[in-house]
Amino acid sequence: MNDKFIYDLKEKYLELKNQENLSEYLGKMSEDDYLMKIARLDAGCAKLKPQHLLENLFRNQNNDDFAKLFDGTLNDIAIFNNDIFSVHDQSGSSIRFFDEQLIQRASLPVDILILPEQLLANSPTLNLTLIRSFLCRIRFFLNVV
């Protein structure tokens, strides 16, 4: 997600292609300028704030509260990209893949088993490939944290 976001930014804005430290450059932009830039990215590209970038997480990986920072970053990304990280059931209701309660309890294996069942209950026609993809993301998340 991080690499795709940076790639899309550099493709859309040629002035960013040769930035030596893109993360620092983006962090120094005004919030309005930054939001204007990311608003013009393709709809399928997850939007990240400067503090979401891997460089920021890497810089803080040895902090005592890194697990909280990591969880908070994932949750903030999910909230910031609610339209991308959700599906819609037959009634048009949005079902988020990642929500704060899931992230806070992700260490409980039962959540990983229950959530796809809840998704299927809300939308029986939900694509099983989507659920498999979701499970892979959760497994990856649990292995990283």
Protein backbone atom coordinates (compact mmCIF):
# COMPACT_ATOMS: atom_id res chain seq x y z
CA MET A 1 0.00 0.00 0.00
CA ASN A 2 2.84 2.36 0.93
CA ASP A 3 4.75 1.66 -2.30
CA LYS A 4 1.65 1.95 -4.48
CA PHE A 5 0.75 5.27 -2.85
CA ILE A 6 4.24 6.69 -3.41
CA TYR A 7 4.36 5.35 -6.97
CA ASP A 8 0.98 6.92 -7.80
CA LEU A 9 2.02 10.24 -6.26
CA LYS A 10 5.22 10.31 -8.32
CA GLU A 11 3.36 9.37 -11.50
CA LYS A 12 0.73 12.07 -10.97
CA TYR A 13 3.09 14.83 -9.82
CA LEU A 14 6.35 14.93 -11.74
CA GLU A 15 7.88 17.40 -9.26
CA LEU A 16 7.84 14.59 -6.65
CA LYS A 17 9.75 12.09 -8.82
CA ASN A 18 13.17 13.47 -7.94
CA GLN A 19 12.53 14.34 -4.31
CA GLU A 20 15.38 12.90 -2.26
CA ASN A 21 13.32 12.50 0.91
CA LEU A 22 9.71 12.33 -0.20
CA SER A 23 8.34 11.56 3.25
CA GLU A 24 9.96 14.66 4.73
CA TYR A 25 8.83 16.78 1.78
CA LEU A 26 5.23 15.61 2.14
CA GLY A 27 5.33 16.19 5.90
CA LYS A 28 6.33 19.82 5.37
CA MET A 29 3.43 20.55 3.00
CA SER A 30 0.42 22.43 4.32
CA GLU A 31 -2.51 20.15 5.11
CA ASP A 32 -4.64 21.77 2.40
CA ASP A 33 -1.97 21.31 -0.28
CA TYR A 34 -1.39 17.71 0.78
CA LEU A 35 -5.10 16.85 0.79
CA MET A 36 -5.49 18.48 -2.64
CA LYS A 37 -2.69 16.33 -4.04
CA ILE A 38 -3.98 13.05 -2.68
CA ALA A 39 -7.56 13.86 -3.69
CA ARG A 40 -6.45 13.75 -7.32
CA LEU A 41 -5.06 10.21 -7.07
CA ASP A 42 -6.97 7.30 -8.61
CA ALA A 43 -9.98 6.12 -6.61
CA GLY A 44 -8.48 2.65 -6.08
CA CYS A 45 -5.33 3.98 -4.45
CA ALA A 46 -5.36 4.05 -0.66
CA LYS A 47 -4.71 7.55 0.62
CA LEU A 48 -2.03 7.90 3.29
CA LYS A 49 -1.12 10.77 5.56
CA PRO A 50 2.61 11.51 5.97
CA GLN A 51 2.59 9.85 9.40
CA HIS A 52 1.21 6.64 7.81
CA LEU A 53 4.23 6.12 5.59
CA LEU A 54 6.54 3.19 6.30
CA GLU A 55 9.46 5.55 6.77
CA ASN A 56 7.70 7.05 9.80
CA LEU A 57 6.91 3.63 11.26
CA PHE A 58 10.48 2.48 10.64
CA ARG A 59 11.85 5.58 12.36
CA ASN A 60 9.75 4.79 15.45
CA GLN A 61 10.09 0.99 15.56
CA ASN A 62 12.27 0.98 18.69
CA ASN A 63 9.94 3.15 20.76
CA ASP A 64 8.29 1.49 23.76
CA ASP A 65 4.82 2.27 22.44
CA PHE A 66 5.48 1.10 18.87
CA ALA A 67 2.70 -1.52 18.99
CA LYS A 68 0.19 1.23 19.85
CA LEU A 69 1.59 3.44 17.09
CA PHE A 70 1.36 0.59 14.59
CA ASP A 71 -2.21 -0.32 15.58
CA GLY A 72 -3.23 3.32 15.57
CA THR A 73 -1.70 3.82 12.14
CA LEU A 74 -3.57 0.84 10.68
CA ASN A 75 -6.82 2.04 12.22
CA ASP A 76 -6.28 5.59 10.99
CA ILE A 77 -5.55 4.31 7.47
CA ALA A 78 -8.76 2.27 7.57
CA ILE A 79 -10.82 5.26 8.72
CA PHE A 80 -9.15 7.61 6.22
CA ASN A 81 -9.90 5.10 3.42
CA ASN A 82 -13.29 3.84 4.53
CA ASP A 83 -14.58 3.75 0.94
CA ILE A 84 -11.72 1.52 -0.20
CA PHE A 85 -11.55 -0.83 2.82
CA SER A 86 -15.22 -1.73 2.90
CA VAL A 87 -17.80 -3.62 0.92
CA HIS A 88 -21.45 -2.90 0.46
CA ASP A 89 -24.19 -5.40 1.15
CA GLN A 90 -27.37 -5.72 -0.89
CA SER A 91 -29.04 -2.91 1.05
CA GLY A 92 -26.12 -0.58 0.27
CA SER A 93 -24.82 -0.51 3.84
CA SER A 94 -21.07 -0.21 4.17
CA ILE A 95 -19.24 -3.02 5.97
CA ARG A 96 -15.72 -1.98 6.96
CA PHE A 97 -13.01 -4.62 6.83
CA PHE A 98 -11.02 -2.96 9.56
CA ASP A 99 -12.57 -1.23 12.52
CA GLU A 100 -11.14 -0.15 15.84
CA GLN A 101 -12.63 -3.05 17.77
CA LEU A 102 -11.17 -5.59 15.35
CA ILE A 103 -7.72 -4.05 15.57
CA GLN A 104 -7.85 -3.88 19.36
CA ARG A 105 -8.88 -7.56 19.60
CA ALA A 106 -6.95 -8.91 16.61
CA SER A 107 -4.79 -11.04 18.88
CA LEU A 108 -7.83 -13.23 19.60
CA PRO A 109 -7.96 -15.95 16.92
CA VAL A 110 -11.74 -16.24 17.34
CA ASP A 111 -12.20 -12.79 15.75
CA ILE A 112 -10.45 -13.98 12.63
CA LEU A 113 -12.89 -16.88 12.35
CA ILE A 114 -16.04 -14.97 13.25
CA LEU A 115 -15.64 -11.88 11.09
CA PRO A 116 -15.98 -13.62 7.69
CA GLU A 117 -19.11 -15.36 8.98
CA GLN A 118 -20.52 -11.98 10.00
CA LEU A 119 -19.70 -10.59 6.57
CA LEU A 120 -21.42 -13.54 4.88
CA ALA A 121 -24.45 -13.18 7.15
CA ASN A 122 -24.78 -9.53 6.12
CA SER A 123 -24.26 -10.28 2.45
CA PRO A 124 -24.64 -13.91 1.37
CA THR A 125 -23.46 -13.04 -2.13
CA LEU A 126 -20.14 -11.59 -0.92
CA ASN A 127 -17.27 -12.90 -3.00
CA LEU A 128 -15.32 -15.61 -1.15
CA THR A 129 -12.11 -14.38 -2.77
CA LEU A 130 -12.63 -11.11 -0.92
CA ILE A 131 -12.92 -12.97 2.39
CA ARG A 132 -9.80 -15.02 1.65
CA SER A 133 -7.94 -11.80 0.90
CA PHE A 134 -9.17 -10.36 4.18
CA LEU A 135 -7.97 -13.42 6.11
CA CYS A 136 -4.53 -13.18 4.50
CA ARG A 137 -4.30 -9.54 5.59
CA ILE A 138 -5.26 -10.39 9.15
CA ARG A 139 -2.76 -13.26 9.29
CA PHE A 140 -0.07 -10.94 7.98
CA PHE A 141 -1.03 -8.33 10.55
CA LEU A 142 -0.82 -10.85 13.39
CA ASN A 143 2.59 -12.07 12.21
CA VAL A 144 3.97 -8.53 11.96
CA VAL A 145 2.73 -7.40 15.37
